[in-house]
Each structure stands twice: as structure tokens, then as C-alpha cells.
Amino acid sequence: MTPLDPSRSCGKLGELAMTSITTQQPMRIGFYLTHNFTMIAMASAIEVLRMANQLSGERLYQWFTLSENGEPVAASDALEVRVDDKIPSQLPLDSLIVCGGVQVELSCSSQLTSWLCQLDRQQKKYSAGSALAVTLWQKRG
């Protein structure tokens, strides 16, 4: 993932640190799915978290899927993914990964950028892929 220049954005993209591992509570990670997101990126990330839980015998990670309106989101391969919440989410997230894909510029709404700035003010960590990161940076307020 290519982070935004943190000195020129409202967020700390690319600073996804696994800090909850030493606590009893699992690290809660949100996956915000944009329209036409790349399924393989999301599935690969979730699979690593699932395997870590399985191999450790503990629940180190918990994940949630999010969309702008709480409705299922179609990936670039046309498969739809059911989501757990809409934005702005009230889920107790430790980190957020914004999953982009094809035509990300159409998915970067003012609601999304506003929510990311809100997360930044709460000192939450979030990350996005390179094309999406650039688009978010260009659309920041």
C-alpha cells in the first residue's frame, strides 16, 4: 500500500499498526468497501487475519465490512459482499482499511472523506491502496 503524504492530508494513511495483540481484546479492523473494489485484496487481508486467529488458538483479530449506505457492495468481479455497517460507523474499530479498485474516483464521496477526517481526529489508524490514496488526498477538504 502506498500511503498519502501525512503532512498534506487529514489522515495517517499507511500507519496501520497491530497494537492490540498484547491485550485481551481482539484488534477490531474495519474494511470499507468502495463500489468495484478489488476482491482479492480484501479477501487476502481477511484470510491472513483468520489464519492468525486459527494458528494462535486465540481471537487476535476481529473484522467488519462497511459501505457508504450499509447496502451490499459489488466487487470488480461482480460478486456482492454483505456489509456489517454503514458510515459513519459506530463500531469500535481500532483500524480501517479502505478497499478500492476500478474507477476509485467515483467512490470517494465527501461522506467518506469526512468520516476519514473524523477518524483522524479520534487518532484511529487507516490505510488505502495507492490509486485510492491519491484520489482521497485530492478530494480532501
Protein backbone atom coordinates (compact mmCIF):
# COMPACT_ATOMS: atom_id res chain seq x y z
CA MET A 1 0.00 0.00 0.00
CA THR A 2 1.22 3.47 -0.78
CA PRO A 3 0.44 5.96 1.98
CA LEU A 4 -0.59 9.54 1.42
CA ASP A 5 1.85 12.21 2.40
CA PRO A 6 0.72 12.65 6.05
CA SER A 7 1.88 16.25 6.10
CA ARG A 8 -0.59 17.08 3.31
CA SER A 9 -3.70 15.17 4.36
CA CYS A 10 -6.17 14.94 7.18
CA GLY A 11 -5.18 11.34 7.92
CA LYS A 12 -2.45 8.96 8.82
CA LEU A 13 -2.77 6.61 5.87
CA GLY A 14 -0.31 3.78 5.97
CA GLU A 15 0.08 3.75 9.75
CA LEU A 16 -1.79 0.51 10.34
CA ALA A 17 -0.10 -0.82 13.47
CA MET A 18 -1.06 -4.06 15.15
CA THR A 19 -1.13 -2.71 18.69
CA SER A 20 -3.98 -4.71 20.24
CA ILE A 21 -2.13 -8.05 20.08
CA THR A 22 -0.79 -7.69 23.62
CA THR A 23 -4.21 -7.04 25.14
CA GLN A 24 -7.02 -9.50 25.89
CA GLN A 25 -9.36 -7.83 23.41
CA PRO A 26 -9.00 -8.63 19.69
CA MET A 27 -7.89 -5.88 17.34
CA ARG A 28 -11.04 -4.71 15.51
CA ILE A 29 -10.41 -3.91 11.86
CA GLY A 30 -12.94 -2.37 9.51
CA PHE A 31 -12.88 -2.93 5.75
CA TYR A 32 -14.64 -0.09 3.93
CA LEU A 33 -15.67 -1.41 0.51
CA THR A 34 -15.95 1.02 -2.39
CA HIS A 35 -18.04 0.23 -5.45
CA ASN A 36 -15.99 -2.08 -7.74
CA PHE A 37 -13.43 -2.79 -5.01
CA THR A 38 -10.81 -5.45 -5.72
CA MET A 39 -11.99 -8.65 -4.08
CA ILE A 40 -8.58 -10.33 -3.95
CA ALA A 41 -7.08 -7.54 -1.84
CA MET A 42 -9.87 -7.70 0.74
CA ALA A 43 -10.02 -11.50 0.80
CA SER A 44 -6.25 -11.81 1.15
CA ALA A 45 -6.16 -9.39 4.08
CA ILE A 46 -9.03 -11.11 5.88
CA GLU A 47 -7.53 -14.55 5.25
CA VAL A 48 -4.28 -13.52 6.95
CA LEU A 49 -6.24 -12.33 9.99
CA ARG A 50 -8.31 -15.52 10.07
CA MET A 51 -5.19 -17.69 9.83
CA ALA A 52 -3.51 -15.74 12.64
CA ASN A 53 -6.54 -16.41 14.84
CA GLN A 54 -6.59 -20.08 13.91
CA LEU A 55 -2.87 -20.72 14.31
CA SER A 56 -2.64 -18.84 17.61
CA GLY A 57 -5.69 -20.57 19.05
CA GLU A 58 -6.85 -17.12 20.15
CA ARG A 59 -9.07 -14.41 18.75
CA LEU A 60 -6.40 -11.83 17.98
CA TYR A 61 -8.37 -10.08 15.23
CA GLN A 62 -12.00 -9.31 14.53
CA TRP A 63 -13.13 -7.74 11.25
CA PHE A 64 -16.15 -5.90 9.95
CA THR A 65 -17.19 -4.81 6.48
CA LEU A 66 -18.61 -1.35 5.84
CA SER A 67 -20.16 0.54 2.95
CA GLU A 68 -21.35 4.07 2.48
CA ASN A 69 -25.03 3.23 2.95
CA GLY A 70 -24.97 -0.18 4.65
CA GLU A 71 -26.06 -1.95 1.46
CA PRO A 72 -24.13 -4.86 -0.10
CA VAL A 73 -21.26 -3.78 -2.37
CA ALA A 74 -20.35 -5.28 -5.75
CA ALA A 75 -16.68 -6.02 -6.26
CA SER A 76 -14.94 -5.58 -9.59
CA ASP A 77 -15.56 -9.29 -10.24
CA ALA A 78 -19.34 -8.66 -9.84
CA LEU A 79 -19.62 -10.62 -6.58
CA GLU A 80 -21.63 -8.81 -3.91
CA VAL A 81 -20.44 -8.63 -0.32
CA ARG A 82 -22.84 -8.13 2.56
CA VAL A 83 -21.66 -5.47 5.00
CA ASP A 84 -21.92 -5.11 8.75
CA ASP A 85 -22.47 -1.35 8.95
CA LYS A 86 -22.64 1.95 7.09
CA ILE A 87 -20.54 5.06 7.55
CA PRO A 88 -20.10 6.90 9.76
CA SER A 89 -19.85 3.66 11.72
CA GLN A 90 -20.29 3.44 15.45
CA LEU A 91 -18.47 0.10 15.57
CA PRO A 92 -15.50 0.18 17.95
CA LEU A 93 -12.80 -0.02 15.26
CA ASP A 94 -9.09 0.09 16.05
CA SER A 95 -8.10 0.41 12.38
CA LEU A 96 -9.72 0.81 9.00
CA ILE A 97 -8.66 -0.40 5.57
CA VAL A 98 -10.33 1.36 2.64
CA CYS A 99 -10.65 -1.16 -0.20
CA GLY A 100 -10.67 0.46 -3.63
CA GLY A 101 -10.46 -0.94 -7.10
CA VAL A 102 -11.78 0.02 -10.51
CA GLN A 103 -12.73 3.70 -11.01
CA VAL A 104 -11.98 4.69 -7.41
CA GLU A 105 -12.54 8.35 -8.23
CA LEU A 106 -16.28 7.59 -8.47
CA SER A 107 -16.29 6.03 -4.99
CA CYS A 108 -14.59 8.78 -2.99
CA SER A 109 -17.57 10.68 -1.69
CA SER A 110 -17.49 13.68 0.59
CA GLN A 111 -19.12 11.44 3.22
CA LEU A 112 -16.15 9.06 3.06
CA THR A 113 -13.51 11.78 3.23
CA SER A 114 -15.39 13.49 6.07
CA TRP A 115 -15.56 10.23 8.02
CA LEU A 116 -11.84 9.58 7.48
CA CYS A 117 -11.06 13.04 8.85
CA GLN A 118 -13.30 12.26 11.83
CA LEU A 119 -11.36 9.03 12.43
CA ASP A 120 -8.13 11.00 12.22
CA ARG A 121 -9.33 13.41 14.90
CA GLN A 122 -10.04 10.33 17.06
CA GLN A 123 -6.47 9.16 16.32
CA LYS A 124 -7.69 6.00 14.58
CA LYS A 125 -5.41 4.39 12.04
CA TYR A 126 -6.50 3.79 8.46
CA SER A 127 -4.96 2.80 5.17
CA ALA A 128 -5.82 2.69 1.47
CA GLY A 129 -4.25 1.32 -1.71
CA SER A 130 -2.17 3.58 -3.94
CA ALA A 131 -4.75 4.77 -6.52
CA LEU A 132 -7.37 5.22 -3.84
CA ALA A 133 -4.94 7.01 -1.53
CA VAL A 134 -4.10 9.52 -4.25
CA THR A 135 -7.79 10.08 -5.04
CA LEU A 136 -8.65 10.59 -1.36
CA TRP A 137 -5.77 13.04 -0.99
CA GLN A 138 -7.00 15.02 -3.99
CA LYS A 139 -10.56 15.16 -2.59
CA ARG A 140 -9.64 16.12 0.98
CA GLY A 141 -11.23 19.25 2.36
